[in-house]
Amino acid sequence: MNNNYRDDIVELLHHEMKRYPDVQRGMIFGHPGWKWQDRVFAFPFDDGVCLKLPRTDYEAALALPEVVPFAPMGERPMGTWAVITYPETETYLERWDWIEKALAYVKTDEGAPKKKVRSKKEEVRSKEKGK
C-alpha cells in the first residue's frame, strides 16, 4: 500500500476534526485517519482525502472530475470509498460537506462495517477452543 499523503491535508483534518468531540484520530492503512467509535470515515490518501460515503453520495461524487473510487494498488474499488483531490488545501474547507456526509454515514447502521458470517466449521472450531 502506498503510504504517501499530503501533510497539509493531515494538518487541516486534525485541526477541523476537533469540532467533533465524538471523533477520534487513529490509523488506517498506515495513514492517520478519523473515526467515529470504531468506524473510520476519512483519511488522507496520496494527494486527496479518502471518504466512506453512502451509495447515492458516492455515485454523485464519482461524476465530479476531482473524485475517483478508492482502489488501493490498482485493485478493484473498495465499497463506497472515494478519494477526493483538490490542489488547494482551502478547497477542502469549502467542500467540507463531503466530510460531514461521510461522518453522518458511519453513524448509521448502513454505514457500519459488515459483520462476518461464520461458517458452521468456524463455529465448531470456536466452541472447541472454548472447552
C-alpha atoms as a PDB file:
ATOM      1  CA  MET A   1       0.000   0.000   0.000  1.00  0.00           C
ATOM      2  CA  ASN A   2       1.181   3.491  -0.811  1.00  0.00           C
ATOM      3  CA  ASN A   3       1.944   5.388   2.424  1.00  0.00           C
ATOM      4  CA  ASN A   4       2.136   8.816   0.804  1.00  0.00           C
ATOM      5  CA  TYR A   5      -0.180  11.618   1.767  1.00  0.00           C
ATOM      6  CA  ARG A   6      -0.035  15.384   1.998  1.00  0.00           C
ATOM      7  CA  ASP A   7       0.950  16.808   5.372  1.00  0.00           C
ATOM      8  CA  ASP A   8      -1.119  19.951   4.753  1.00  0.00           C
ATOM      9  CA  ILE A   9      -4.240  17.797   4.447  1.00  0.00           C
ATOM     10  CA  VAL A  10      -3.397  15.926   7.664  1.00  0.00           C
ATOM     11  CA  GLU A  11      -2.948  19.238   9.496  1.00  0.00           C
ATOM     12  CA  LEU A  12      -6.226  20.586   8.138  1.00  0.00           C
ATOM     13  CA  LEU A  13      -8.160  17.435   9.047  1.00  0.00           C
ATOM     14  CA  HIS A  14      -6.568  17.295  12.508  1.00  0.00           C
ATOM     15  CA  HIS A  15      -7.490  20.927  13.184  1.00  0.00           C
ATOM     16  CA  GLU A  16     -11.030  20.769  11.769  1.00  0.00           C
ATOM     17  CA  MET A  17     -11.965  17.431  13.355  1.00  0.00           C
ATOM     18  CA  LYS A  18     -11.534  18.999  16.801  1.00  0.00           C
ATOM     19  CA  ARG A  19     -15.009  20.476  16.412  1.00  0.00           C
ATOM     20  CA  TYR A  20     -16.466  16.947  16.626  1.00  0.00           C
ATOM     21  CA  PRO A  21     -15.954  15.681  20.206  1.00  0.00           C
ATOM     22  CA  ASP A  22     -17.139  12.189  19.256  1.00  0.00           C
ATOM     23  CA  VAL A  23     -14.477  11.777  16.531  1.00  0.00           C
ATOM     24  CA  GLN A  24     -11.111  10.204  17.313  1.00  0.00           C
ATOM     25  CA  ARG A  25      -7.891  10.053  15.366  1.00  0.00           C
ATOM     26  CA  GLY A  26      -6.415   6.641  14.601  1.00  0.00           C
ATOM     27  CA  MET A  27      -4.525   4.822  11.860  1.00  0.00           C
ATOM     28  CA  ILE A  28      -5.753   3.055   8.726  1.00  0.00           C
ATOM     29  CA  PHE A  29      -3.534   1.506   6.055  1.00  0.00           C
ATOM     30  CA  GLY A  30      -0.545   3.236   7.676  1.00  0.00           C
ATOM     31  CA  HIS A  31      -2.228   6.642   7.338  1.00  0.00           C
ATOM     32  CA  PRO A  32      -3.685   8.875  10.017  1.00  0.00           C
ATOM     33  CA  GLY A  33      -7.448   8.532   9.907  1.00  0.00           C
ATOM     34  CA  TRP A  34     -10.539   9.784  11.658  1.00  0.00           C
ATOM     35  CA  LYS A  35     -13.248   7.590  13.076  1.00  0.00           C
ATOM     36  CA  TRP A  36     -16.477   7.681  14.988  1.00  0.00           C
ATOM     37  CA  GLN A  37     -16.475   4.885  17.524  1.00  0.00           C
ATOM     38  CA  ASP A  38     -14.544   2.214  15.587  1.00  0.00           C
ATOM     39  CA  ARG A  39     -15.839   3.291  12.180  1.00  0.00           C
ATOM     40  CA  VAL A  40     -13.268   5.049  10.004  1.00  0.00           C
ATOM     41  CA  PHE A  41     -14.779   7.642   7.692  1.00  0.00           C
ATOM     42  CA  ALA A  42     -11.860   9.776   6.449  1.00  0.00           C
ATOM     43  CA  PHE A  43      -8.123   9.547   5.877  1.00  0.00           C
ATOM     44  CA  PRO A  44      -5.579  11.301   3.669  1.00  0.00           C
ATOM     45  CA  PHE A  45      -4.521   9.289   0.649  1.00  0.00           C
ATOM     46  CA  ASP A  46      -1.995  10.402  -1.975  1.00  0.00           C
ATOM     47  CA  ASP A  47      -2.972  13.995  -2.842  1.00  0.00           C
ATOM     48  CA  GLY A  48      -6.518  13.781  -1.510  1.00  0.00           C
ATOM     49  CA  VAL A  49      -8.880  12.589   1.189  1.00  0.00           C
ATOM     50  CA  CYS A  50     -10.486   9.160   1.133  1.00  0.00           C
ATOM     51  CA  LEU A  51     -14.073   9.136   2.406  1.00  0.00           C
ATOM     52  CA  LYS A  52     -16.609   6.416   3.130  1.00  0.00           C
ATOM     53  CA  LEU A  53     -19.829   7.629   1.528  1.00  0.00           C
ATOM     54  CA  PRO A  54     -23.365   6.306   1.242  1.00  0.00           C
ATOM     55  CA  ARG A  55     -24.099   4.803  -2.174  1.00  0.00           C
ATOM     56  CA  THR A  56     -26.076   7.780  -3.525  1.00  0.00           C
ATOM     57  CA  ASP A  57     -23.413  10.311  -2.486  1.00  0.00           C
ATOM     58  CA  TYR A  58     -20.683   8.008  -3.767  1.00  0.00           C
ATOM     59  CA  GLU A  59     -22.289   7.847  -7.203  1.00  0.00           C
ATOM     60  CA  ALA A  60     -22.809  11.631  -7.251  1.00  0.00           C
ATOM     61  CA  ALA A  61     -19.192  12.189  -6.197  1.00  0.00           C
ATOM     62  CA  LEU A  62     -17.847   9.972  -8.979  1.00  0.00           C
ATOM     63  CA  ALA A  63     -19.487  12.288 -11.507  1.00  0.00           C
ATOM     64  CA  LEU A  64     -17.095  15.043 -10.365  1.00  0.00           C
ATOM     65  CA  PRO A  65     -13.680  15.347 -12.047  1.00  0.00           C
ATOM     66  CA  GLU A  66     -11.858  15.569  -8.690  1.00  0.00           C
ATOM     67  CA  VAL A  67     -13.191  12.230  -7.400  1.00  0.00           C
ATOM     68  CA  VAL A  68     -12.086   8.654  -8.107  1.00  0.00           C
ATOM     69  CA  PRO A  69     -13.009   5.345  -6.468  1.00  0.00           C
ATOM     70  CA  PHE A  70     -10.596   4.200  -3.762  1.00  0.00           C
ATOM     71  CA  ALA A  71      -8.805   1.267  -5.388  1.00  0.00           C
ATOM     72  CA  PRO A  72      -5.547   0.703  -3.495  1.00  0.00           C
ATOM     73  CA  MET A  73      -2.665  -0.660  -5.542  1.00  0.00           C
ATOM     74  CA  GLY A  74      -4.821  -0.559  -8.692  1.00  0.00           C
ATOM     75  CA  GLU A  75      -7.110  -3.315  -7.445  1.00  0.00           C
ATOM     76  CA  ARG A  76     -10.881  -3.216  -7.638  1.00  0.00           C
ATOM     77  CA  PRO A  77     -12.621  -0.327  -5.841  1.00  0.00           C
ATOM     78  CA  MET A  78     -13.341  -0.850  -2.158  1.00  0.00           C
ATOM     79  CA  GLY A  79     -17.055  -0.445  -1.492  1.00  0.00           C
ATOM     80  CA  THR A  80     -18.189   3.155  -1.494  1.00  0.00           C
ATOM     81  CA  TRP A  81     -14.839   4.666  -0.538  1.00  0.00           C
ATOM     82  CA  ALA A  82     -13.955   7.635  -2.754  1.00  0.00           C
ATOM     83  CA  VAL A  83     -10.815   9.791  -2.990  1.00  0.00           C
ATOM     84  CA  ILE A  84     -11.474  13.497  -3.401  1.00  0.00           C
ATOM     85  CA  THR A  85      -8.485  15.523  -4.570  1.00  0.00           C
ATOM     86  CA  TYR A  86      -8.196  19.298  -4.614  1.00  0.00           C
ATOM     87  CA  PRO A  87      -4.913  21.069  -5.440  1.00  0.00           C
ATOM     88  CA  GLU A  88      -5.539  23.819  -2.865  1.00  0.00           C
ATOM     89  CA  THR A  89      -5.934  22.843   0.796  1.00  0.00           C
ATOM     90  CA  GLU A  90      -8.517  25.580   1.363  1.00  0.00           C
ATOM     91  CA  THR A  91     -10.868  23.883  -1.081  1.00  0.00           C
ATOM     92  CA  TYR A  92     -11.349  21.051   1.422  1.00  0.00           C
ATOM     93  CA  LEU A  93     -12.838  23.623   3.798  1.00  0.00           C
ATOM     94  CA  GLU A  94     -15.096  24.970   1.072  1.00  0.00           C
ATOM     95  CA  ARG A  95     -16.292  21.418   0.310  1.00  0.00           C
ATOM     96  CA  TRP A  96     -16.380  20.222   3.938  1.00  0.00           C
ATOM     97  CA  ASP A  97     -19.890  18.910   3.239  1.00  0.00           C
ATOM     98  CA  TRP A  98     -18.310  15.742   1.777  1.00  0.00           C
ATOM     99  CA  ILE A  99     -16.559  15.033   5.073  1.00  0.00           C
ATOM    100  CA  GLU A 100     -19.747  15.679   7.018  1.00  0.00           C
ATOM    101  CA  LYS A 101     -21.625  13.282   4.717  1.00  0.00           C
ATOM    102  CA  ALA A 102     -19.019  10.596   5.428  1.00  0.00           C
ATOM    103  CA  LEU A 103     -19.254  11.166   9.185  1.00  0.00           C
ATOM    104  CA  ALA A 104     -23.056  11.106   9.127  1.00  0.00           C
ATOM    105  CA  TYR A 105     -22.964   7.884   7.105  1.00  0.00           C
ATOM    106  CA  VAL A 106     -20.774   5.922   9.526  1.00  0.00           C
ATOM    107  CA  LYS A 107     -23.126   6.901  12.330  1.00  0.00           C
ATOM    108  CA  THR A 108     -25.922   4.938  10.637  1.00  0.00           C
ATOM    109  CA  ASP A 109     -26.492   1.186  10.732  1.00  0.00           C
ATOM    110  CA  GLU A 110     -25.998   1.137   6.967  1.00  0.00           C
ATOM    111  CA  GLY A 111     -22.521   2.664   7.410  1.00  0.00           C
ATOM    112  CA  ALA A 112     -21.435   0.054   9.935  1.00  0.00           C
ATOM    113  CA  PRO A 113     -18.829  -2.496   8.864  1.00  0.00           C
ATOM    114  CA  LYS A 114     -20.446  -5.672   7.635  1.00  0.00           C
ATOM    115  CA  LYS A 115     -20.450  -8.468  10.192  1.00  0.00           C
ATOM    116  CA  LYS A 116     -18.608 -11.544   9.050  1.00  0.00           C
ATOM    117  CA  VAL A 117     -20.920 -14.526   8.794  1.00  0.00           C
ATOM    118  CA  ARG A 118     -19.308 -17.563  10.360  1.00  0.00           C
ATOM    119  CA  SER A 119     -19.441 -20.907   8.649  1.00  0.00           C
ATOM    120  CA  LYS A 120     -20.529 -23.956  10.626  1.00  0.00           C
ATOM    121  CA  LYS A 121     -16.897 -25.174  10.662  1.00  0.00           C
ATOM    122  CA  GLU A 122     -15.755 -21.874  12.190  1.00  0.00           C
ATOM    123  CA  GLU A 123     -18.467 -22.092  14.844  1.00  0.00           C
ATOM    124  CA  VAL A 124     -17.439 -25.656  15.752  1.00  0.00           C
ATOM    125  CA  ARG A 125     -13.748 -24.650  15.978  1.00  0.00           C
ATOM    126  CA  SER A 126     -14.628 -21.674  18.141  1.00  0.00           C
ATOM    127  CA  LYS A 127     -16.650 -23.866  20.509  1.00  0.00           C
ATOM    128  CA  GLU A 128     -13.837 -26.446  20.654  1.00  0.00           C
ATOM    129  CA  LYS A 129     -11.289 -23.773  21.598  1.00  0.00           C
ATOM    130  CA  GLY A 130     -13.606 -22.597  24.366  1.00  0.00           C
ATOM    131  CA  LYS A 131     -13.553 -26.025  26.096  1.00  0.00           C
END
